[in-house]
């Protein structure tokens, strides 16, 4: 808690240094976190983030703070600083915490513009379709494009009669390839609060070395005892342009063929492990 407080203070001072001094509009911080423990068994070494066999993990535990400060009636400065809590085993002894979404930006009546490390808009286009989201069976295990990238510029428009447009641009400020981008057009409500359906189409171009298209539909069928019953479908075509042996690069692939791709990737990985 001491480290968290120190970092929060440092970030608050940084934000104060670049914003007008206005006691009536103090920066409002919210602290949050998630503690999770998962156990599973996998009979084949096919997943990106999970090894074969029995394992107990805390893969999505996190600590974070987010805040905002109103600059004008229509413009607010926003900030997010989030850490991932890595496993406490020997393999993670030198990096107990890792960075997750960490960015500064502006929220306005014309949309939200942020700079830093963030989920790509292509990743966010999944909405609530993935029933195994943030478990060790997350769709990111087999589906390309579920990326969180550094040094990005992200824009999300306001919702206009159900329509929303968003995009990500990769600046390449450090080691990443510059110029990659994505865009997503959606209609409806991914949370089913305003509309009982959600539709989205997205594309990436050289974003993290990936060219892809994604089309998905998700609809609420019924409410029962506080639970929501829904059905959805996602189609994705991906072209990574890199050797298939370099998992998770999936060259010329469709998410409808994931079982075949997983077998091919596992075979390539085994062959690679026997190469001097």
Protein backbone atom coordinates (compact mmCIF):
# COMPACT_ATOMS: atom_id res chain seq x y z
CA UNK A 1 0.00 0.00 0.00
CA UNK A 2 2.93 2.34 0.61
CA UNK A 3 4.19 1.87 -2.94
CA UNK A 4 0.71 2.44 -4.37
CA UNK A 5 0.31 5.64 -2.36
CA UNK A 6 3.72 6.92 -3.45
CA UNK A 7 3.02 6.28 -7.12
CA UNK A 8 -0.42 7.82 -6.88
CA UNK A 9 1.06 10.94 -5.32
CA UNK A 10 3.73 11.20 -8.02
CA UNK A 11 1.17 10.85 -10.79
CA UNK A 12 -1.11 13.38 -9.10
CA UNK A 13 1.75 15.88 -8.91
CA UNK A 14 2.52 15.33 -12.60
CA UNK A 15 -1.08 15.92 -13.58
CA UNK A 16 -1.27 19.01 -11.37
CA UNK A 17 1.82 20.40 -13.06
CA UNK A 18 0.20 20.34 -16.49
CA UNK A 19 -3.28 21.52 -15.53
CA UNK A 20 -4.55 24.86 -14.22
CA UNK A 21 -4.50 25.28 -10.48
CA UNK A 22 -8.16 25.32 -9.57
CA UNK A 23 -9.11 24.30 -6.02
CA UNK A 24 -12.74 24.00 -7.06
CA UNK A 25 -11.89 21.33 -9.64
CA UNK A 26 -9.65 18.95 -7.71
CA UNK A 27 -8.43 15.80 -9.41
CA UNK A 28 -10.83 13.04 -8.31
CA UNK A 29 -9.12 9.64 -7.85
CA UNK A 30 -10.81 6.23 -7.60
CA UNK A 31 -8.85 3.18 -6.44
CA UNK A 32 -9.85 -0.30 -7.55
CA UNK A 33 -8.56 -3.85 -7.72
CA UNK A 34 -9.35 -7.46 -8.46
CA UNK A 35 -8.07 -10.59 -6.72
CA UNK A 36 -8.62 -13.85 -8.53
CA UNK A 37 -7.36 -17.42 -8.33
CA UNK A 38 -7.98 -20.00 -11.04
CA UNK A 39 -7.18 -23.67 -11.37
CA UNK A 40 -7.28 -25.73 -14.54
CA UNK A 41 -5.95 -28.74 -16.36
CA UNK A 42 -5.00 -28.75 -20.06
CA UNK A 43 -4.21 -32.00 -21.85
CA UNK A 44 -2.32 -30.37 -24.75
CA UNK A 45 0.11 -27.46 -24.95
CA UNK A 46 -1.99 -25.37 -27.35
CA UNK A 47 -2.70 -22.13 -25.50
CA UNK A 48 -0.65 -18.93 -25.65
CA UNK A 49 -0.58 -18.27 -21.90
CA UNK A 50 -1.16 -21.70 -20.35
CA UNK A 51 1.18 -24.68 -20.11
CA UNK A 52 0.20 -28.31 -20.39
CA UNK A 53 -0.91 -30.05 -17.19
CA UNK A 54 -2.33 -28.91 -13.86
CA UNK A 55 -1.79 -25.33 -12.74
CA UNK A 56 -3.06 -22.71 -10.31
CA UNK A 57 -2.80 -19.12 -11.49
CA UNK A 58 -3.86 -15.59 -10.56
CA UNK A 59 -3.73 -14.30 -14.15
CA UNK A 60 -6.01 -11.27 -14.01
CA UNK A 61 -5.44 -9.91 -10.51
CA UNK A 62 -4.76 -6.18 -10.60
CA UNK A 63 -4.44 -2.89 -8.75
CA UNK A 64 -5.30 0.45 -10.28
CA UNK A 65 -6.36 4.02 -9.93
CA UNK A 66 -8.27 6.26 -12.29
CA UNK A 67 -9.13 9.90 -12.06
CA UNK A 68 -10.55 12.90 -13.82
CA UNK A 69 -10.44 16.67 -13.53
CA UNK A 70 -12.90 18.99 -15.20
CA UNK A 71 -11.00 21.61 -17.23
CA UNK A 72 -14.01 23.30 -18.80
CA UNK A 73 -17.73 22.56 -18.95
CA UNK A 74 -17.18 20.20 -21.88
CA UNK A 75 -13.57 18.98 -21.44
CA UNK A 76 -12.14 16.79 -18.68
CA UNK A 77 -8.62 15.44 -18.20
CA UNK A 78 -8.63 11.69 -17.48
CA UNK A 79 -5.90 9.33 -16.28
CA UNK A 80 -5.61 5.58 -15.67
CA UNK A 81 -2.68 3.80 -14.01
CA UNK A 82 -3.05 0.03 -13.62
CA UNK A 83 -0.73 -2.76 -12.48
CA UNK A 84 -1.07 -6.48 -13.08
CA UNK A 85 -0.24 -8.67 -10.09
CA UNK A 86 1.91 -11.49 -11.46
CA UNK A 87 2.21 -14.91 -9.85
CA UNK A 88 4.16 -15.28 -6.63
CA UNK A 89 6.18 -18.25 -7.87
CA UNK A 90 9.94 -18.31 -8.47
CA UNK A 91 9.56 -17.45 -12.16
CA UNK A 92 8.06 -14.06 -11.26
CA UNK A 93 10.36 -13.15 -8.38
CA UNK A 94 11.91 -10.19 -10.27
CA UNK A 95 8.64 -8.75 -11.61
CA UNK A 96 5.79 -9.15 -9.15
CA UNK A 97 3.93 -6.27 -10.82
CA UNK A 98 3.49 -5.56 -14.52
CA UNK A 99 1.87 -2.63 -16.29
CA UNK A 100 -1.60 -2.81 -17.78
CA UNK A 101 -3.60 0.12 -19.19
CA UNK A 102 -1.68 3.31 -18.35
CA UNK A 103 -2.67 6.50 -20.13
CA UNK A 104 -3.62 10.18 -20.03
CA UNK A 105 -6.22 11.81 -22.20
CA UNK A 106 -9.25 14.00 -22.63
CA UNK A 107 -12.95 13.26 -22.40
CA UNK A 108 -15.14 15.71 -24.29
CA UNK A 109 -18.58 16.04 -25.80
CA UNK A 110 -16.93 15.03 -29.10
CA UNK A 111 -15.48 11.78 -27.79
CA UNK A 112 -12.52 10.47 -25.81
CA UNK A 113 -8.87 10.81 -26.90
CA UNK A 114 -6.14 9.06 -24.86
CA UNK A 115 -2.37 8.54 -25.15
CA UNK A 116 -0.29 5.73 -23.67
CA UNK A 117 -0.61 1.99 -23.11
CA UNK A 118 -4.11 0.77 -23.80
CA UNK A 119 -6.29 -2.02 -25.18
CA UNK A 120 -6.64 -1.63 -28.93
CA UNK A 121 -10.11 -0.69 -30.18
CA UNK A 122 -10.06 -3.93 -32.20
CA UNK A 123 -9.70 -5.87 -28.95
CA UNK A 124 -12.49 -3.88 -27.29
CA UNK A 125 -14.81 -4.64 -30.21
CA UNK A 126 -15.52 -8.08 -28.71
CA UNK A 127 -17.97 -6.42 -26.33
CA UNK A 128 -19.39 -9.01 -23.91
CA UNK A 129 -19.38 -11.84 -26.44
CA UNK A 130 -16.58 -13.85 -24.81
CA UNK A 131 -18.22 -15.80 -21.97
CA UNK A 132 -14.76 -16.88 -20.79
CA UNK A 133 -13.38 -13.34 -20.69
CA UNK A 134 -10.58 -12.93 -18.14
CA UNK A 135 -10.30 -16.63 -17.48
CA UNK A 136 -7.57 -18.96 -18.68
CA UNK A 137 -9.95 -19.91 -21.51
CA UNK A 138 -10.13 -16.30 -22.75
CA UNK A 139 -10.55 -15.94 -26.52
CA UNK A 140 -7.12 -14.27 -26.59
CA UNK A 141 -5.62 -17.74 -26.18
CA UNK A 142 -6.46 -18.59 -29.79
CA UNK A 143 -7.70 -15.41 -31.49
CA UNK A 144 -5.18 -12.83 -32.80
CA UNK A 145 -5.73 -9.13 -32.28
CA UNK A 146 -6.48 -9.18 -28.54
CA UNK A 147 -3.63 -6.75 -27.85
CA UNK A 148 -2.72 -4.15 -25.25
CA UNK A 149 -0.08 -1.91 -26.80
CA UNK A 150 2.25 0.87 -25.68
CA UNK A 151 2.61 4.34 -27.19
CA UNK A 152 -0.79 4.37 -28.86
CA UNK A 153 -3.30 7.10 -29.61
CA UNK A 154 -6.90 5.93 -29.19
CA UNK A 155 -10.11 7.73 -30.04
CA UNK A 156 -13.68 6.71 -29.20
CA UNK A 157 -16.59 8.77 -30.52
CA UNK A 158 -19.77 9.54 -28.59
CA UNK A 159 -22.74 7.27 -29.28
CA UNK A 160 -24.93 8.83 -31.99
CA UNK A 161 -28.31 7.14 -32.40
CA UNK A 162 -26.74 3.81 -31.45
CA UNK A 163 -23.67 4.18 -33.69
CA UNK A 164 -20.12 4.52 -32.39
CA UNK A 165 -16.74 4.74 -34.15
CA UNK A 166 -13.31 4.15 -32.58
CA UNK A 167 -9.71 3.81 -33.74
CA UNK A 168 -6.16 3.10 -32.55
CA UNK A 169 -2.90 4.40 -34.02
CA UNK A 170 0.53 2.98 -33.15
CA UNK A 171 3.14 5.74 -32.89
CA UNK A 172 6.19 3.46 -32.62
CA UNK A 173 7.72 5.72 -29.97
CA UNK A 174 9.88 2.89 -28.57
CA UNK A 175 10.45 -0.53 -30.13
CA UNK A 176 7.08 -1.03 -31.82
CA UNK A 177 6.42 -0.79 -35.54
CA UNK A 178 5.03 2.67 -36.30
CA UNK A 179 2.03 3.30 -38.50
CA UNK A 180 -0.17 0.35 -37.56
CA UNK A 181 -3.80 1.21 -36.92
CA UNK A 182 -7.28 -0.19 -36.43
CA UNK A 183 -10.84 1.08 -36.59
CA UNK A 184 -14.17 -0.26 -35.40
CA UNK A 185 -17.78 0.67 -36.18
CA UNK A 186 -20.43 -0.62 -33.78
CA UNK A 187 -24.18 -0.37 -33.35
CA UNK A 188 -26.25 -1.11 -30.27
CA UNK A 189 -25.05 -1.68 -26.72
CA UNK A 190 -22.47 -4.30 -25.72
CA UNK A 191 -23.80 -4.25 -22.13
CA UNK A 192 -27.48 -4.55 -23.19
CA UNK A 193 -28.43 -1.56 -21.04
CA UNK A 194 -29.75 0.69 -23.82
CA UNK A 195 -30.35 -1.88 -26.55
CA UNK A 196 -30.77 -5.69 -26.42
CA UNK A 197 -28.26 -6.22 -29.22
CA UNK A 198 -24.71 -5.33 -30.28
CA UNK A 199 -23.17 -5.42 -33.77
CA UNK A 200 -19.59 -4.55 -34.68
CA UNK A 201 -17.20 -4.60 -37.62
CA UNK A 202 -13.49 -3.86 -37.27
CA UNK A 203 -10.24 -3.89 -39.22
CA UNK A 204 -6.56 -3.74 -38.35
CA UNK A 205 -3.69 -2.79 -40.66
CA UNK A 206 -0.16 -3.75 -39.59
CA UNK A 207 -1.12 -3.21 -35.96
CA UNK A 208 1.32 -5.35 -33.97
CA UNK A 209 2.17 -6.98 -37.31
CA UNK A 210 -1.42 -8.06 -37.93
CA UNK A 211 -3.91 -7.43 -40.72
CA UNK A 212 -7.38 -8.63 -39.73
CA UNK A 213 -11.11 -8.21 -40.14
CA UNK A 214 -13.73 -9.01 -37.52
CA UNK A 215 -17.51 -9.16 -37.70
CA UNK A 216 -19.67 -10.04 -34.69
CA UNK A 217 -23.25 -10.01 -33.49
CA UNK A 218 -24.52 -10.49 -29.95
CA UNK A 219 -28.12 -10.35 -28.73
CA UNK A 220 -29.93 -10.73 -25.43
CA UNK A 221 -32.52 -13.51 -25.49
CA UNK A 222 -34.03 -13.30 -22.02
CA UNK A 223 -33.65 -12.19 -18.40
CA UNK A 224 -34.18 -14.77 -15.68
CA UNK A 225 -33.52 -14.53 -11.94
CA UNK A 226 -31.07 -11.70 -12.40
CA UNK A 227 -29.15 -13.48 -15.17
CA UNK A 228 -28.98 -12.63 -18.85
CA UNK A 229 -29.28 -15.29 -21.53
CA UNK A 230 -27.68 -14.26 -24.81
CA UNK A 231 -26.35 -15.67 -28.06
CA UNK A 232 -23.61 -14.40 -30.32
CA UNK A 233 -21.42 -15.17 -33.30
CA UNK A 234 -18.00 -13.84 -34.32
CA UNK A 235 -16.13 -14.27 -37.60
CA UNK A 236 -12.51 -13.18 -38.01
CA UNK A 237 -9.96 -13.35 -40.79
CA UNK A 238 -6.32 -12.76 -39.82
CA UNK A 239 -3.06 -12.44 -41.75
CA UNK A 240 0.01 -11.98 -39.60
CA UNK A 241 2.55 -12.18 -42.42
CA UNK A 242 5.01 -14.13 -40.26
CA UNK A 243 6.04 -17.82 -40.02
CA UNK A 244 3.36 -20.08 -38.63
CA UNK A 245 5.91 -21.61 -36.23
CA UNK A 246 6.11 -18.30 -34.34
CA UNK A 247 3.06 -18.70 -32.13
CA UNK A 248 0.78 -16.77 -31.86
CA UNK A 249 1.34 -15.70 -35.47
CA UNK A 250 -1.52 -17.25 -37.43
CA UNK A 251 -0.96 -16.72 -41.14
CA UNK A 252 -4.00 -16.48 -43.43
CA UNK A 253 -6.32 -17.76 -40.73
CA UNK A 254 -10.01 -17.64 -39.87
CA UNK A 255 -11.32 -18.03 -36.32
CA UNK A 256 -13.70 -20.67 -37.67
CA UNK A 257 -10.65 -22.91 -38.23
CA UNK A 258 -9.08 -22.48 -34.79
CA UNK A 259 -8.88 -26.18 -33.96
CA UNK A 260 -6.84 -26.90 -37.09
CA UNK A 261 -4.62 -23.86 -36.48
CA UNK A 262 -4.00 -24.90 -32.88
CA UNK A 263 -2.91 -28.37 -34.01
CA UNK A 264 -0.60 -26.86 -36.64
CA UNK A 265 0.89 -24.42 -34.16
CA UNK A 266 1.49 -27.16 -31.61
CA UNK A 267 3.20 -29.31 -34.24
CA UNK A 268 5.35 -26.38 -35.38
CA UNK A 269 6.31 -25.64 -31.78
CA UNK A 270 7.33 -29.26 -31.20
CA UNK A 271 9.39 -29.26 -34.39
CA UNK A 272 11.02 -26.02 -33.38
CA UNK A 273 11.95 -27.42 -29.98
CA UNK A 274 13.95 -30.18 -31.70
CA UNK A 275 15.81 -27.75 -33.96
CA UNK A 276 19.41 -26.94 -32.80
